[in-house]
Amino acid sequence: MATAATTFDPQALKRAIEERNAAAQVELFTDDAALEIVDQANPPSKPLVFQGREAVGGYLADVASRDMTHRVGGLVVDGDRASYTIDCTYPDGNKVLCMASADLRDGRIARLRGLQAWDQ
């Protein structure tokens, strides 16, 4: 029996990130999702990797718990791919820029790769 394809909801992702709602974010991931982060401490040859929805949720909860604002921009969904940026600002003015690329499956994020840079 065929099932209807589920469509990814980019506005739900934008809302969840900007509202720092980790629980809503993790609901947008598949059970077997992978999250890879590349930054100064985790180079491309050894990215920080979280495997599975529970591990991804732990990382997202940590990020959401930080006192900073998040603004999602350039959010584009094309078939089974999505990309966006996140501009983050701490109360002291320090900034973080994140660029993300997601592979989608059944209306959820199956793999998310993020590149981040922050003020020193």
C-alpha atoms as a PDB file:
ATOM      1  CA  MET A   1       0.000   0.000   0.000  1.00  0.00           C
ATOM      2  CA  ALA A   2       1.465   3.379  -1.019  1.00  0.00           C
ATOM      3  CA  THR A   3       1.575   6.244   1.451  1.00  0.00           C
ATOM      4  CA  ALA A   4       1.501   9.934   0.656  1.00  0.00           C
ATOM      5  CA  ALA A   5       4.834  11.733   0.900  1.00  0.00           C
ATOM      6  CA  THR A   6       5.103  14.057   3.857  1.00  0.00           C
ATOM      7  CA  THR A   7       6.182  17.599   3.107  1.00  0.00           C
ATOM      8  CA  PHE A   8       8.852  19.319   5.171  1.00  0.00           C
ATOM      9  CA  ASP A   9       7.614  22.440   7.004  1.00  0.00           C
ATOM     10  CA  PRO A  10      10.338  25.115   6.730  1.00  0.00           C
ATOM     11  CA  GLN A  11       8.319  27.638   8.739  1.00  0.00           C
ATOM     12  CA  ALA A  12       8.101  25.191  11.660  1.00  0.00           C
ATOM     13  CA  LEU A  13      11.909  24.909  11.563  1.00  0.00           C
ATOM     14  CA  LYS A  14      12.341  28.705  11.444  1.00  0.00           C
ATOM     15  CA  ARG A  15       9.926  29.207  14.361  1.00  0.00           C
ATOM     16  CA  ALA A  16      11.523  26.478  16.475  1.00  0.00           C
ATOM     17  CA  ILE A  17      15.046  27.852  15.972  1.00  0.00           C
ATOM     18  CA  GLU A  18      14.110  31.494  16.541  1.00  0.00           C
ATOM     19  CA  GLU A  19      12.041  30.634  19.642  1.00  0.00           C
ATOM     20  CA  ARG A  20      14.902  28.463  20.983  1.00  0.00           C
ATOM     21  CA  ASN A  21      12.485  25.538  21.189  1.00  0.00           C
ATOM     22  CA  ALA A  22      14.690  22.441  21.106  1.00  0.00           C
ATOM     23  CA  ALA A  23      11.746  20.036  21.530  1.00  0.00           C
ATOM     24  CA  ALA A  24      10.037  21.450  18.432  1.00  0.00           C
ATOM     25  CA  GLN A  25      13.313  21.309  16.500  1.00  0.00           C
ATOM     26  CA  VAL A  26      14.042  17.683  17.338  1.00  0.00           C
ATOM     27  CA  GLU A  27      10.546  16.668  16.178  1.00  0.00           C
ATOM     28  CA  LEU A  28      11.635  17.727  12.688  1.00  0.00           C
ATOM     29  CA  PHE A  29      14.384  15.054  12.613  1.00  0.00           C
ATOM     30  CA  THR A  30      14.108  11.385  11.649  1.00  0.00           C
ATOM     31  CA  ASP A  31      14.760   8.781  14.336  1.00  0.00           C
ATOM     32  CA  ASP A  32      18.103   7.890  12.705  1.00  0.00           C
ATOM     33  CA  ALA A  33      19.137  11.478  11.942  1.00  0.00           C
ATOM     34  CA  ALA A  34      22.762  12.584  11.856  1.00  0.00           C
ATOM     35  CA  LEU A  35      24.011  16.058  12.745  1.00  0.00           C
ATOM     36  CA  GLU A  36      27.538  17.132  11.771  1.00  0.00           C
ATOM     37  CA  ILE A  37      29.119  20.365  12.958  1.00  0.00           C
ATOM     38  CA  VAL A  38      32.266  21.885  11.446  1.00  0.00           C
ATOM     39  CA  ASP A  39      33.906  24.814  13.208  1.00  0.00           C
ATOM     40  CA  GLN A  40      37.287  25.947  14.514  1.00  0.00           C
ATOM     41  CA  ALA A  41      37.398  23.160  17.107  1.00  0.00           C
ATOM     42  CA  ASN A  42      35.971  20.488  14.770  1.00  0.00           C
ATOM     43  CA  PRO A  43      37.584  20.617  11.310  1.00  0.00           C
ATOM     44  CA  PRO A  44      36.069  18.951   8.223  1.00  0.00           C
ATOM     45  CA  SER A  45      38.256  15.857   8.674  1.00  0.00           C
ATOM     46  CA  LYS A  46      36.914  15.373  12.230  1.00  0.00           C
ATOM     47  CA  PRO A  47      33.488  17.025  12.515  1.00  0.00           C
ATOM     48  CA  LEU A  48      31.469  16.892  15.712  1.00  0.00           C
ATOM     49  CA  VAL A  49      28.857  14.189  15.001  1.00  0.00           C
ATOM     50  CA  PHE A  50      25.598  13.359  16.760  1.00  0.00           C
ATOM     51  CA  GLN A  51      23.826  10.189  15.630  1.00  0.00           C
ATOM     52  CA  GLY A  52      20.159   9.518  16.306  1.00  0.00           C
ATOM     53  CA  ARG A  53      17.307  11.772  17.356  1.00  0.00           C
ATOM     54  CA  GLU A  54      18.140  11.551  21.074  1.00  0.00           C
ATOM     55  CA  ALA A  55      21.755  12.671  20.574  1.00  0.00           C
ATOM     56  CA  VAL A  56      20.688  15.420  18.157  1.00  0.00           C
ATOM     57  CA  GLY A  57      18.096  16.537  20.713  1.00  0.00           C
ATOM     58  CA  GLY A  58      20.751  16.812  23.429  1.00  0.00           C
ATOM     59  CA  TYR A  59      22.861  19.092  21.253  1.00  0.00           C
ATOM     60  CA  LEU A  60      19.862  21.226  20.258  1.00  0.00           C
ATOM     61  CA  ALA A  61      18.785  21.537  23.906  1.00  0.00           C
ATOM     62  CA  ASP A  62      22.268  22.767  24.826  1.00  0.00           C
ATOM     63  CA  VAL A  63      22.237  25.392  22.067  1.00  0.00           C
ATOM     64  CA  ALA A  64      18.668  26.490  22.880  1.00  0.00           C
ATOM     65  CA  SER A  65      19.572  26.925  26.556  1.00  0.00           C
ATOM     66  CA  ARG A  66      22.136  29.620  25.761  1.00  0.00           C
ATOM     67  CA  ASP A  67      21.122  33.236  26.260  1.00  0.00           C
ATOM     68  CA  MET A  68      21.246  34.469  22.661  1.00  0.00           C
ATOM     69  CA  THR A  69      18.944  35.413  19.828  1.00  0.00           C
ATOM     70  CA  HIS A  70      18.652  33.353  16.648  1.00  0.00           C
ATOM     71  CA  ARG A  71      17.518  34.699  13.276  1.00  0.00           C
ATOM     72  CA  VAL A  72      17.011  32.287  10.387  1.00  0.00           C
ATOM     73  CA  GLY A  73      17.616  33.621   6.886  1.00  0.00           C
ATOM     74  CA  GLY A  74      17.864  32.379   3.330  1.00  0.00           C
ATOM     75  CA  LEU A  75      15.737  29.325   4.075  1.00  0.00           C
ATOM     76  CA  VAL A  76      15.296  27.364   0.851  1.00  0.00           C
ATOM     77  CA  VAL A  77      13.724  23.950   0.343  1.00  0.00           C
ATOM     78  CA  ASP A  78      14.126  22.166  -2.968  1.00  0.00           C
ATOM     79  CA  GLY A  79      12.803  18.626  -3.077  1.00  0.00           C
ATOM     80  CA  ASP A  80      14.770  16.558  -0.581  1.00  0.00           C
ATOM     81  CA  ARG A  81      17.245  19.333   0.315  1.00  0.00           C
ATOM     82  CA  ALA A  82      17.064  22.440   2.487  1.00  0.00           C
ATOM     83  CA  SER A  83      19.558  25.142   3.361  1.00  0.00           C
ATOM     84  CA  TYR A  84      19.551  28.177   5.609  1.00  0.00           C
ATOM     85  CA  THR A  85      21.665  30.491   7.726  1.00  0.00           C
ATOM     86  CA  ILE A  86      21.338  31.341  11.412  1.00  0.00           C
ATOM     87  CA  ASP A  87      22.629  34.627  12.793  1.00  0.00           C
ATOM     88  CA  CYS A  88      23.087  34.367  16.568  1.00  0.00           C
ATOM     89  CA  THR A  89      23.848  37.207  18.957  1.00  0.00           C
ATOM     90  CA  TYR A  90      24.806  36.960  22.622  1.00  0.00           C
ATOM     91  CA  PRO A  91      23.754  39.764  25.027  1.00  0.00           C
ATOM     92  CA  ASP A  92      27.358  41.066  25.079  1.00  0.00           C
ATOM     93  CA  GLY A  93      27.254  41.571  21.298  1.00  0.00           C
ATOM     94  CA  ASN A  94      29.345  38.542  20.301  1.00  0.00           C
ATOM     95  CA  LYS A  95      27.997  36.869  17.193  1.00  0.00           C
ATOM     96  CA  VAL A  96      27.876  33.394  15.698  1.00  0.00           C
ATOM     97  CA  LEU A  97      27.076  32.660  12.058  1.00  0.00           C
ATOM     98  CA  CYS A  98      25.837  29.208  11.086  1.00  0.00           C
ATOM     99  CA  MET A  99      25.233  27.835   7.602  1.00  0.00           C
ATOM    100  CA  ALA A 100      23.270  24.603   7.353  1.00  0.00           C
ATOM    101  CA  SER A 101      22.473  22.076   4.659  1.00  0.00           C
ATOM    102  CA  ALA A 102      19.887  19.366   5.276  1.00  0.00           C
ATOM    103  CA  ASP A 103      18.974  16.139   3.532  1.00  0.00           C
ATOM    104  CA  LEU A 104      15.249  15.503   3.931  1.00  0.00           C
ATOM    105  CA  ARG A 105      13.372  12.212   4.065  1.00  0.00           C
ATOM    106  CA  ASP A 106       9.631  11.769   4.545  1.00  0.00           C
ATOM    107  CA  GLY A 107       9.237  15.429   5.515  1.00  0.00           C
ATOM    108  CA  ARG A 108      11.945  15.363   8.186  1.00  0.00           C
ATOM    109  CA  ILE A 109      15.643  16.091   8.460  1.00  0.00           C
ATOM    110  CA  ALA A 110      17.687  12.921   7.972  1.00  0.00           C
ATOM    111  CA  ARG A 111      21.106  14.590   7.893  1.00  0.00           C
ATOM    112  CA  LEU A 112      22.091  18.113   8.861  1.00  0.00           C
ATOM    113  CA  ARG A 113      25.540  19.540   8.206  1.00  0.00           C
ATOM    114  CA  GLY A 114      26.399  22.829   9.830  1.00  0.00           C
ATOM    115  CA  LEU A 115      29.340  25.170   9.477  1.00  0.00           C
ATOM    116  CA  GLN A 116      29.739  27.780  12.205  1.00  0.00           C
ATOM    117  CA  ALA A 117      32.033  30.680  12.938  1.00  0.00           C
ATOM    118  CA  TRP A 118      31.985  32.963  15.937  1.00  0.00           C
ATOM    119  CA  ASP A 119      33.569  36.138  17.238  1.00  0.00           C
ATOM    120  CA  GLN A 120      36.668  35.513  19.310  1.00  0.00           C
END
